[in-house]
C-alpha atoms as a PDB file:
ATOM      1  CA  UNK A   1     -34.128   7.703 -19.181  1.00  0.00           C
ATOM      2  CA  UNK A   2     -32.530   9.836 -21.916  1.00  0.00           C
ATOM      3  CA  UNK A   3     -35.028  11.957 -23.840  1.00  0.00           C
ATOM      4  CA  UNK A   4     -35.038  14.437 -26.709  1.00  0.00           C
ATOM      5  CA  UNK A   5     -37.294  16.702 -28.711  1.00  0.00           C
ATOM      6  CA  UNK A   6     -36.939  17.883 -32.317  1.00  0.00           C
ATOM      7  CA  UNK A   7     -37.586  21.324 -33.772  1.00  0.00           C
ATOM      8  CA  UNK A   8     -37.964  21.673 -37.558  1.00  0.00           C
ATOM      9  CA  UNK A   9     -38.583  24.931 -39.433  1.00  0.00           C
ATOM     10  CA  UNK A  10     -40.193  24.174 -42.812  1.00  0.00           C
ATOM     11  CA  UNK A  11     -40.659  26.419 -45.831  1.00  0.00           C
ATOM     12  CA  UNK A  12     -41.931  24.935 -49.120  1.00  0.00           C
ATOM     13  CA  UNK A  13     -40.438  21.448 -48.786  1.00  0.00           C
ATOM     14  CA  UNK A  14     -43.164  19.481 -50.568  1.00  0.00           C
ATOM     15  CA  UNK A  15     -40.564  17.396 -52.458  1.00  0.00           C
ATOM     16  CA  UNK A  16     -38.659  16.352 -49.333  1.00  0.00           C
ATOM     17  CA  UNK A  17     -40.638  16.693 -46.117  1.00  0.00           C
ATOM     18  CA  UNK A  18     -42.434  13.331 -46.433  1.00  0.00           C
ATOM     19  CA  UNK A  19     -39.042  11.578 -46.520  1.00  0.00           C
ATOM     20  CA  UNK A  20     -37.873  13.461 -43.438  1.00  0.00           C
ATOM     21  CA  UNK A  21     -41.110  12.562 -41.615  1.00  0.00           C
ATOM     22  CA  UNK A  22     -40.613   8.910 -42.530  1.00  0.00           C
ATOM     23  CA  UNK A  23     -37.058   9.016 -41.144  1.00  0.00           C
ATOM     24  CA  UNK A  24     -38.245  10.402 -37.817  1.00  0.00           C
ATOM     25  CA  UNK A  25     -41.306   8.197 -37.261  1.00  0.00           C
ATOM     26  CA  UNK A  26     -39.154   5.110 -37.939  1.00  0.00           C
ATOM     27  CA  UNK A  27     -36.552   5.980 -35.292  1.00  0.00           C
ATOM     28  CA  UNK A  28     -35.770   3.205 -32.828  1.00  0.00           C
ATOM     29  CA  UNK A  29     -35.842   5.913 -30.136  1.00  0.00           C
ATOM     30  CA  UNK A  30     -38.708   8.288 -30.827  1.00  0.00           C
ATOM     31  CA  UNK A  31     -38.637  11.922 -29.708  1.00  0.00           C
ATOM     32  CA  UNK A  32     -40.817  13.008 -26.815  1.00  0.00           C
ATOM     33  CA  UNK A  33     -42.085  15.789 -29.046  1.00  0.00           C
ATOM     34  CA  UNK A  34     -41.501  17.041 -32.595  1.00  0.00           C
ATOM     35  CA  UNK A  35     -42.339  20.712 -33.058  1.00  0.00           C
ATOM     36  CA  UNK A  36     -42.661  21.569 -36.755  1.00  0.00           C
ATOM     37  CA  UNK A  37     -42.912  25.257 -37.624  1.00  0.00           C
ATOM     38  CA  UNK A  38     -44.526  25.765 -41.028  1.00  0.00           C
ATOM     39  CA  UNK A  39     -43.155  29.088 -42.271  1.00  0.00           C
ATOM     40  CA  UNK A  40     -46.238  29.896 -44.388  1.00  0.00           C
ATOM     41  CA  UNK A  41     -45.575  27.246 -47.039  1.00  0.00           C
ATOM     42  CA  UNK A  42     -47.660  27.535 -50.199  1.00  0.00           C
ATOM     43  CA  UNK A  43     -46.488  24.517 -52.214  1.00  0.00           C
ATOM     44  CA  UNK A  44     -48.509  21.750 -50.563  1.00  0.00           C
ATOM     45  CA  UNK A  45     -46.075  21.073 -47.703  1.00  0.00           C
ATOM     46  CA  UNK A  46     -48.731  22.122 -45.205  1.00  0.00           C
ATOM     47  CA  UNK A  47     -51.049  19.308 -46.346  1.00  0.00           C
ATOM     48  CA  UNK A  48     -48.383  16.663 -45.682  1.00  0.00           C
ATOM     49  CA  UNK A  49     -47.516  18.238 -42.331  1.00  0.00           C
ATOM     50  CA  UNK A  50     -51.149  18.430 -41.222  1.00  0.00           C
ATOM     51  CA  UNK A  51     -51.724  14.747 -41.996  1.00  0.00           C
ATOM     52  CA  UNK A  52     -48.587  13.791 -40.038  1.00  0.00           C
ATOM     53  CA  UNK A  53     -49.669  15.857 -37.018  1.00  0.00           C
ATOM     54  CA  UNK A  54     -53.127  14.242 -37.110  1.00  0.00           C
ATOM     55  CA  UNK A  55     -51.621  10.746 -37.259  1.00  0.00           C
ATOM     56  CA  UNK A  56     -48.933  11.130 -34.554  1.00  0.00           C
ATOM     57  CA  UNK A  57     -49.880  12.779 -31.264  1.00  0.00           C
ATOM     58  CA  UNK A  58     -46.243  13.703 -30.516  1.00  0.00           C
ATOM     59  CA  UNK A  59     -45.972  15.882 -33.650  1.00  0.00           C
ATOM     60  CA  UNK A  60     -46.973  19.486 -32.960  1.00  0.00           C
ATOM     61  CA  UNK A  61     -47.528  21.647 -36.062  1.00  0.00           C
ATOM     62  CA  UNK A  62     -47.530  25.398 -35.474  1.00  0.00           C
ATOM     63  CA  UNK A  63     -47.497  28.618 -37.481  1.00  0.00           C
ATOM     64  CA  UNK A  64     -44.800  31.133 -36.562  1.00  0.00           C
ATOM     65  CA  UNK A  65     -44.896  34.792 -35.826  1.00  0.00           C
ATOM     66  CA  UNK A  66     -44.092  36.967 -38.814  1.00  0.00           C
ATOM     67  CA  UNK A  67     -40.378  37.768 -39.025  1.00  0.00           C
ATOM     68  CA  UNK A  68     -39.293  40.536 -41.368  1.00  0.00           C
ATOM     69  CA  UNK A  69     -36.003  38.866 -42.260  1.00  0.00           C
ATOM     70  CA  UNK A  70     -34.980  38.146 -45.837  1.00  0.00           C
ATOM     71  CA  UNK A  71     -31.924  35.987 -45.151  1.00  0.00           C
ATOM     72  CA  UNK A  72     -33.104  32.380 -45.058  1.00  0.00           C
ATOM     73  CA  UNK A  73     -30.479  31.173 -42.559  1.00  0.00           C
ATOM     74  CA  UNK A  74     -31.492  33.887 -40.106  1.00  0.00           C
ATOM     75  CA  UNK A  75     -35.175  33.035 -40.488  1.00  0.00           C
ATOM     76  CA  UNK A  76     -34.473  29.359 -39.815  1.00  0.00           C
ATOM     77  CA  UNK A  77     -32.731  30.131 -36.535  1.00  0.00           C
ATOM     78  CA  UNK A  78     -35.406  32.620 -35.464  1.00  0.00           C
ATOM     79  CA  UNK A  79     -37.956  29.882 -36.079  1.00  0.00           C
ATOM     80  CA  UNK A  80     -35.869  27.344 -34.149  1.00  0.00           C
ATOM     81  CA  UNK A  81     -35.787  29.702 -31.157  1.00  0.00           C
ATOM     82  CA  UNK A  82     -39.527  30.248 -31.572  1.00  0.00           C
ATOM     83  CA  UNK A  83     -40.024  26.479 -31.536  1.00  0.00           C
ATOM     84  CA  UNK A  84     -37.998  26.190 -28.315  1.00  0.00           C
ATOM     85  CA  UNK A  85     -40.707  28.176 -26.545  1.00  0.00           C
ATOM     86  CA  UNK A  86     -43.303  25.687 -27.781  1.00  0.00           C
ATOM     87  CA  UNK A  87     -41.645  22.579 -26.303  1.00  0.00           C
ATOM     88  CA  UNK A  88     -44.196  21.395 -23.763  1.00  0.00           C
ATOM     89  CA  UNK A  89     -42.400  18.501 -22.059  1.00  0.00           C
ATOM     90  CA  UNK A  90     -39.078  18.316 -20.147  1.00  0.00           C
ATOM     91  CA  UNK A  91     -36.227  16.735 -22.126  1.00  0.00           C
ATOM     92  CA  UNK A  92     -32.442  16.435 -21.880  1.00  0.00           C
ATOM     93  CA  UNK A  93     -31.641  17.146 -25.542  1.00  0.00           C
ATOM     94  CA  UNK A  94     -32.971  19.304 -28.369  1.00  0.00           C
ATOM     95  CA  UNK A  95     -32.360  18.601 -32.075  1.00  0.00           C
ATOM     96  CA  UNK A  96     -32.542  21.246 -34.780  1.00  0.00           C
ATOM     97  CA  UNK A  97     -33.563  19.212 -37.836  1.00  0.00           C
ATOM     98  CA  UNK A  98     -34.004  20.457 -41.402  1.00  0.00           C
ATOM     99  CA  UNK A  99     -37.007  19.379 -43.446  1.00  0.00           C
ATOM    100  CA  UNK A 100     -34.946  18.050 -46.359  1.00  0.00           C
ATOM    101  CA  UNK A 101     -32.828  15.224 -44.920  1.00  0.00           C
ATOM    102  CA  UNK A 102     -33.091  11.464 -44.413  1.00  0.00           C
ATOM    103  CA  UNK A 103     -31.269   9.009 -42.150  1.00  0.00           C
ATOM    104  CA  UNK A 104     -31.471   5.450 -40.812  1.00  0.00           C
ATOM    105  CA  UNK A 105     -33.625   4.261 -37.907  1.00  0.00           C
ATOM    106  CA  UNK A 106     -30.790   4.265 -35.350  1.00  0.00           C
ATOM    107  CA  UNK A 107     -29.570   7.786 -36.131  1.00  0.00           C
ATOM    108  CA  UNK A 108     -30.788   9.519 -32.976  1.00  0.00           C
ATOM    109  CA  UNK A 109     -30.296   6.582 -30.615  1.00  0.00           C
ATOM    110  CA  UNK A 110     -26.634   6.284 -31.656  1.00  0.00           C
ATOM    111  CA  UNK A 111     -25.995  10.018 -31.289  1.00  0.00           C
ATOM    112  CA  UNK A 112     -27.686  10.147 -27.880  1.00  0.00           C
ATOM    113  CA  UNK A 113     -25.586   7.210 -26.664  1.00  0.00           C
ATOM    114  CA  UNK A 114     -22.478   9.296 -27.364  1.00  0.00           C
ATOM    115  CA  UNK A 115     -23.925  12.096 -25.240  1.00  0.00           C
ATOM    116  CA  UNK A 116     -24.675   9.618 -22.486  1.00  0.00           C
ATOM    117  CA  UNK A 117     -21.104   8.286 -22.596  1.00  0.00           C
ATOM    118  CA  UNK A 118     -19.545  11.766 -22.525  1.00  0.00           C
ATOM    119  CA  UNK A 119     -21.132  14.246 -20.070  1.00  0.00           C
ATOM    120  CA  UNK A 120     -18.968  17.079 -21.473  1.00  0.00           C
ATOM    121  CA  UNK A 121     -20.354  16.678 -25.001  1.00  0.00           C
ATOM    122  CA  UNK A 122     -22.560  19.732 -25.559  1.00  0.00           C
ATOM    123  CA  UNK A 123     -23.287  19.786 -29.318  1.00  0.00           C
ATOM    124  CA  UNK A 124     -23.115  17.027 -31.931  1.00  0.00           C
ATOM    125  CA  UNK A 125     -24.301  16.271 -35.449  1.00  0.00           C
ATOM    126  CA  UNK A 126     -23.949  13.578 -38.088  1.00  0.00           C
ATOM    127  CA  UNK A 127     -21.837  13.423 -41.245  1.00  0.00           C
ATOM    128  CA  UNK A 128     -23.413  14.862 -44.383  1.00  0.00           C
ATOM    129  CA  UNK A 129     -23.804  12.827 -47.567  1.00  0.00           C
ATOM    130  CA  UNK A 130     -25.138  14.053 -50.918  1.00  0.00           C
ATOM    131  CA  UNK A 131     -26.306  11.321 -53.308  1.00  0.00           C
ATOM    132  CA  UNK A 132     -24.774   8.865 -50.800  1.00  0.00           C
ATOM    133  CA  UNK A 133     -21.315  10.422 -51.203  1.00  0.00           C
ATOM    134  CA  UNK A 134     -19.855  11.652 -47.880  1.00  0.00           C
ATOM    135  CA  UNK A 135     -18.818  15.285 -47.797  1.00  0.00           C
ATOM    136  CA  UNK A 136     -15.050  15.678 -47.564  1.00  0.00           C
ATOM    137  CA  UNK A 137     -13.837  15.993 -43.992  1.00  0.00           C
ATOM    138  CA  UNK A 138     -13.111  19.473 -42.747  1.00  0.00           C
ATOM    139  CA  UNK A 139      -9.352  19.859 -42.416  1.00  0.00           C
ATOM    140  CA  UNK A 140      -9.439  22.370 -39.569  1.00  0.00           C
ATOM    141  CA  UNK A 141      -8.350  22.451 -35.956  1.00  0.00           C
ATOM    142  CA  UNK A 142     -11.836  23.090 -34.674  1.00  0.00           C
ATOM    143  CA  UNK A 143     -14.999  21.199 -35.567  1.00  0.00           C
ATOM    144  CA  UNK A 144     -18.105  22.969 -36.848  1.00  0.00           C
ATOM    145  CA  UNK A 145     -21.153  20.730 -36.516  1.00  0.00           C
ATOM    146  CA  UNK A 146     -23.795  20.452 -39.223  1.00  0.00           C
ATOM    147  CA  UNK A 147     -26.968  22.453 -38.616  1.00  0.00           C
ATOM    148  CA  UNK A 148     -29.181  20.055 -40.587  1.00  0.00           C
ATOM    149  CA  UNK A 149     -29.160  17.443 -37.803  1.00  0.00           C
ATOM    150  CA  UNK A 150     -27.659  19.304 -34.867  1.00  0.00           C
ATOM    151  CA  UNK A 151     -28.307  17.991 -31.346  1.00  0.00           C
ATOM    152  CA  UNK A 152     -27.817  20.193 -28.279  1.00  0.00           C
ATOM    153  CA  UNK A 153     -27.515  19.113 -24.672  1.00  0.00           C
ATOM    154  CA  UNK A 154     -30.080  21.368 -23.003  1.00  0.00           C
ATOM    155  CA  UNK A 155     -27.605  22.498 -20.319  1.00  0.00           C
ATOM    156  CA  UNK A 156     -25.143  23.559 -23.047  1.00  0.00           C
ATOM    157  CA  UNK A 157     -27.859  25.379 -24.990  1.00  0.00           C
ATOM    158  CA  UNK A 158     -28.813  27.277 -21.833  1.00  0.00           C
ATOM    159  CA  UNK A 159     -25.151  28.066 -21.055  1.00  0.00           C
ATOM    160  CA  UNK A 160     -24.443  29.636 -24.436  1.00  0.00           C
ATOM    161  CA  UNK A 161     -27.607  31.714 -24.246  1.00  0.00           C
ATOM    162  CA  UNK A 162     -29.464  30.068 -27.117  1.00  0.00           C
ATOM    163  CA  UNK A 163     -28.710  30.413 -30.815  1.00  0.00           C
ATOM    164  CA  UNK A 164     -27.585  33.679 -32.400  1.00  0.00           C
ATOM    165  CA  UNK A 165     -30.022  34.379 -35.215  1.00  0.00           C
ATOM    166  CA  UNK A 166     -27.768  35.327 -38.092  1.00  0.00           C
ATOM    167  CA  UNK A 167     -25.606  33.754 -40.761  1.00  0.00           C
ATOM    168  CA  UNK A 168     -22.651  31.980 -39.192  1.00  0.00           C
ATOM    169  CA  UNK A 169     -24.671  30.528 -36.292  1.00  0.00           C
ATOM    170  CA  UNK A 170     -23.307  27.039 -37.028  1.00  0.00           C
ATOM    171  CA  UNK A 171     -19.797  28.329 -36.356  1.00  0.00           C
ATOM    172  CA  UNK A 172     -20.694  30.636 -33.492  1.00  0.00           C
ATOM    173  CA  UNK A 173     -22.625  28.231 -31.305  1.00  0.00           C
ATOM    174  CA  UNK A 174     -19.749  25.742 -31.500  1.00  0.00           C
ATOM    175  CA  UNK A 175     -17.294  28.485 -30.563  1.00  0.00           C
ATOM    176  CA  UNK A 176     -19.527  29.601 -27.684  1.00  0.00           C
ATOM    177  CA  UNK A 177     -19.759  26.023 -26.402  1.00  0.00           C
ATOM    178  CA  UNK A 178     -15.974  25.547 -26.496  1.00  0.00           C
ATOM    179  CA  UNK A 179     -15.461  28.899 -24.757  1.00  0.00           C
ATOM    180  CA  UNK A 180     -17.545  27.531 -21.879  1.00  0.00           C
ATOM    181  CA  UNK A 181     -15.650  24.186 -21.794  1.00  0.00           C
ATOM    182  CA  UNK A 182     -18.225  22.095 -23.639  1.00  0.00           C
ATOM    183  CA  UNK A 183     -17.085  19.680 -26.353  1.00  0.00           C
ATOM    184  CA  UNK A 184     -18.558  19.532 -29.868  1.00  0.00           C
ATOM    185  CA  UNK A 185     -18.376  16.607 -32.288  1.00  0.00           C
ATOM    186  CA  UNK A 186     -19.340  15.376 -35.730  1.00  0.00           C
ATOM    187  CA  UNK A 187     -20.268  11.739 -35.108  1.00  0.00           C
ATOM    188  CA  UNK A 188     -20.045   8.849 -37.614  1.00  0.00           C
ATOM    189  CA  UNK A 189     -23.794   8.742 -38.160  1.00  0.00           C
ATOM    190  CA  UNK A 190     -24.636   9.637 -41.738  1.00  0.00           C
ATOM    191  CA  UNK A 191     -27.561  11.692 -43.007  1.00  0.00           C
ATOM    192  CA  UNK A 192     -28.483  12.417 -46.606  1.00  0.00           C
ATOM    193  CA  UNK A 193     -29.158  15.970 -47.713  1.00  0.00           C
ATOM    194  CA  UNK A 194     -31.938  15.682 -50.280  1.00  0.00           C
ATOM    195  CA  UNK A 195     -31.002  18.847 -52.155  1.00  0.00           C
ATOM    196  CA  UNK A 196     -27.892  20.897 -52.746  1.00  0.00           C
ATOM    197  CA  UNK A 197     -26.668  22.971 -49.808  1.00  0.00           C
ATOM    198  CA  UNK A 198     -27.510  26.636 -50.268  1.00  0.00           C
ATOM    199  CA  UNK A 199     -29.954  25.932 -53.076  1.00  0.00           C
ATOM    200  CA  UNK A 200     -32.606  28.141 -51.426  1.00  0.00           C
ATOM    201  CA  UNK A 201     -30.670  31.209 -52.572  1.00  0.00           C
ATOM    202  CA  UNK A 202     -31.233  30.249 -56.196  1.00  0.00           C
ATOM    203  CA  UNK A 203     -28.254  32.005 -57.792  1.00  0.00           C
ATOM    204  CA  UNK A 204     -24.646  30.903 -57.347  1.00  0.00           C
ATOM    205  CA  UNK A 205     -23.252  34.386 -57.943  1.00  0.00           C
ATOM    206  CA  UNK A 206     -25.577  35.950 -55.390  1.00  0.00           C
ATOM    207  CA  UNK A 207     -24.984  33.030 -53.031  1.00  0.00           C
ATOM    208  CA  UNK A 208     -21.235  33.688 -53.015  1.00  0.00           C
ATOM    209  CA  UNK A 209     -21.729  37.414 -52.409  1.00  0.00           C
ATOM    210  CA  UNK A 210     -24.330  36.765 -49.727  1.00  0.00           C
ATOM    211  CA  UNK A 211     -21.960  34.355 -47.967  1.00  0.00           C
ATOM    212  CA  UNK A 212     -19.333  37.098 -47.924  1.00  0.00           C
ATOM    213  CA  UNK A 213     -21.791  39.683 -46.562  1.00  0.00           C
ATOM    214  CA  UNK A 214     -22.835  37.518 -43.667  1.00  0.00           C
ATOM    215  CA  UNK A 215     -19.325  36.296 -42.990  1.00  0.00           C
ATOM    216  CA  UNK A 216     -18.513  39.997 -42.700  1.00  0.00           C
ATOM    217  CA  UNK A 217     -21.040  40.112 -39.862  1.00  0.00           C
ATOM    218  CA  UNK A 218     -19.191  37.289 -38.074  1.00  0.00           C
ATOM    219  CA  UNK A 219     -16.062  38.529 -36.248  1.00  0.00           C
ATOM    220  CA  UNK A 220     -13.573  36.849 -38.605  1.00  0.00           C
ATOM    221  CA  UNK A 221      -9.970  37.980 -38.683  1.00  0.00           C
ATOM    222  CA  UNK A 222      -9.336  39.500 -42.130  1.00  0.00           C
ATOM    223  CA  UNK A 223      -6.473  37.146 -42.961  1.00  0.00           C
ATOM    224  CA  UNK A 224      -8.495  34.102 -41.909  1.00  0.00           C
ATOM    225  CA  UNK A 225     -11.460  35.110 -44.050  1.00  0.00           C
ATOM    226  CA  UNK A 226      -9.201  35.882 -47.018  1.00  0.00           C
ATOM    227  CA  UNK A 227      -7.835  32.329 -46.973  1.00  0.00           C
ATOM    228  CA  UNK A 228     -11.370  31.025 -46.480  1.00  0.00           C
ATOM    229  CA  UNK A 229     -12.570  32.918 -49.558  1.00  0.00           C
ATOM    230  CA  UNK A 230      -9.582  31.898 -51.698  1.00  0.00           C
ATOM    231  CA  UNK A 231     -10.265  28.262 -50.810  1.00  0.00           C
ATOM    232  CA  UNK A 232     -13.507  28.637 -52.813  1.00  0.00           C
ATOM    233  CA  UNK A 233     -11.638  29.759 -55.956  1.00  0.00           C
ATOM    234  CA  UNK A 234     -12.186  26.509 -57.839  1.00  0.00           C
ATOM    235  CA  UNK A 235     -15.827  26.143 -56.841  1.00  0.00           C
ATOM    236  CA  UNK A 236     -18.381  27.495 -59.312  1.00  0.00           C
ATOM    237  CA  UNK A 237     -18.423  30.291 -60.259  1.00  0.00           C
ATOM    238  CA  UNK A 238     -14.669  29.779 -60.757  1.00  0.00           C
ATOM    239  CA  UNK A 239     -12.366  32.535 -59.422  1.00  0.00           C
ATOM    240  CA  UNK A 240     -15.241  35.020 -59.415  1.00  0.00           C
ATOM    241  CA  UNK A 241     -16.703  33.267 -56.380  1.00  0.00           C
ATOM    242  CA  UNK A 242     -13.721  34.191 -54.198  1.00  0.00           C
ATOM    243  CA  UNK A 243     -13.873  37.830 -55.351  1.00  0.00           C
ATOM    244  CA  UNK A 244     -17.618  37.976 -54.691  1.00  0.00           C
ATOM    245  CA  UNK A 245     -17.085  36.617 -51.195  1.00  0.00           C
ATOM    246  CA  UNK A 246     -14.401  39.220 -50.469  1.00  0.00           C
ATOM    247  CA  UNK A 247     -16.615  42.032 -51.819  1.00  0.00           C
ATOM    248  CA  UNK A 248     -19.507  40.817 -49.685  1.00  0.00           C
ATOM    249  CA  UNK A 249     -17.273  40.569 -46.612  1.00  0.00           C
ATOM    250  CA  UNK A 250     -16.130  44.183 -47.028  1.00  0.00           C
ATOM    251  CA  UNK A 251     -19.762  45.314 -47.326  1.00  0.00           C
ATOM    252  CA  UNK A 252     -20.866  43.292 -44.312  1.00  0.00           C
ATOM    253  CA  UNK A 253     -18.012  44.308 -42.039  1.00  0.00           C
ATOM    254  CA  UNK A 254     -17.209  47.892 -42.953  1.00  0.00           C
ATOM    255  CA  UNK A 255     -20.443  49.309 -44.400  1.00  0.00           C
ATOM    256  CA  UNK A 256     -23.407  47.352 -43.042  1.00  0.00           C
ATOM    257  CA  UNK A 257     -21.676  46.733 -39.681  1.00  0.00           C
ATOM    258  CA  UNK A 258     -24.036  43.911 -38.863  1.00  0.00           C
ATOM    259  CA  UNK A 259     -24.733  42.161 -35.578  1.00  0.00           C
ATOM    260  CA  UNK A 260     -22.185  42.513 -32.747  1.00  0.00           C
ATOM    261  CA  UNK A 261     -21.553  39.375 -30.691  1.00  0.00           C
ATOM    262  CA  UNK A 262     -20.788  38.702 -27.006  1.00  0.00           C
ATOM    263  CA  UNK A 263     -17.154  39.327 -26.085  1.00  0.00           C
ATOM    264  CA  UNK A 264     -16.523  35.770 -24.896  1.00  0.00           C
ATOM    265  CA  UNK A 265     -17.502  34.456 -28.348  1.00  0.00           C
ATOM    266  CA  UNK A 266     -15.352  37.009 -30.211  1.00  0.00           C
ATOM    267  CA  UNK A 267     -12.313  36.267 -28.036  1.00  0.00           C
ATOM    268  CA  UNK A 268     -12.629  32.510 -28.472  1.00  0.00           C
ATOM    269  CA  UNK A 269     -13.276  32.771 -32.216  1.00  0.00           C
ATOM    270  CA  UNK A 270     -10.212  34.954 -32.754  1.00  0.00           C
ATOM    271  CA  UNK A 271      -8.128  32.528 -30.688  1.00  0.00           C
ATOM    272  CA  UNK A 272      -9.235  29.589 -32.838  1.00  0.00           C
ATOM    273  CA  UNK A 273      -8.608  31.518 -36.049  1.00  0.00           C
ATOM    274  CA  UNK A 274      -5.095  32.529 -34.965  1.00  0.00           C
ATOM    275  CA  UNK A 275      -4.286  28.934 -33.983  1.00  0.00           C
ATOM    276  CA  UNK A 276      -5.546  27.678 -37.349  1.00  0.00           C
ATOM    277  CA  UNK A 277      -3.452  30.243 -39.232  1.00  0.00           C
ATOM    278  CA  UNK A 278      -0.386  29.284 -37.181  1.00  0.00           C
ATOM    279  CA  UNK A 279      -0.856  25.618 -37.997  1.00  0.00           C
ATOM    280  CA  UNK A 280      -1.313  26.355 -41.717  1.00  0.00           C
ATOM    281  CA  UNK A 281       1.865  28.408 -41.922  1.00  0.00           C
ATOM    282  CA  UNK A 282       3.812  26.388 -39.313  1.00  0.00           C
ATOM    283  CA  UNK A 283       4.363  29.472 -37.172  1.00  0.00           C
END
């Protein structure tokens, strides 16, 4: 019998968490366990979460250790790893689920069927929609699954050594899986993001710079990142966004010198970046 557990870090999601809870409790295939980590919410989220945990015995609400990390993406992954230690029952699959998404009742059952049909599938997620409009497909050689509804085969998660707790983890865990011969996939199961991606940062100028800083911590080839930044030129803030990303990248890579990664990840990532550049320029 295929089984899964969910881990959800939550921080001040009073406007959205009830909808996410409704999506999960209505699943045609319920999780064995849902570990929700309330990251010291102070907006009323904790009241909704407490009521859900009291109503459903398979929901486990816990408070995390204190992490002195300002970057929200890093905190989320630290809390996910913390939640992994709190899973009390054996399962085949683990889902990292955000507290601000919704999806239909067959979402998890359909994704898990794809895992069952393909024993080499290690990581999968659904397609993102915002206001019911699907996000444009990524036109790249290598898929990067969506962290908001990511599902890991437990064997794959163990192989890659868990999740690296810094910005870029969505990219890096996919790269690590491929380096170890696991497949990753974005499956045609749609989920709705209930608020704008990156809205936790609160300032679009700072968000662009911050993205550059933490991309500088990821072992990107300079030419690959440059094209990546330029591709954001026509996103708001226009033109300035690309320059802010480049400035942040320089700070993250050459001054802050953040977070080295395992060699097998760096080698695979550089291979994928070179192949992508070759395909773009027909080399």
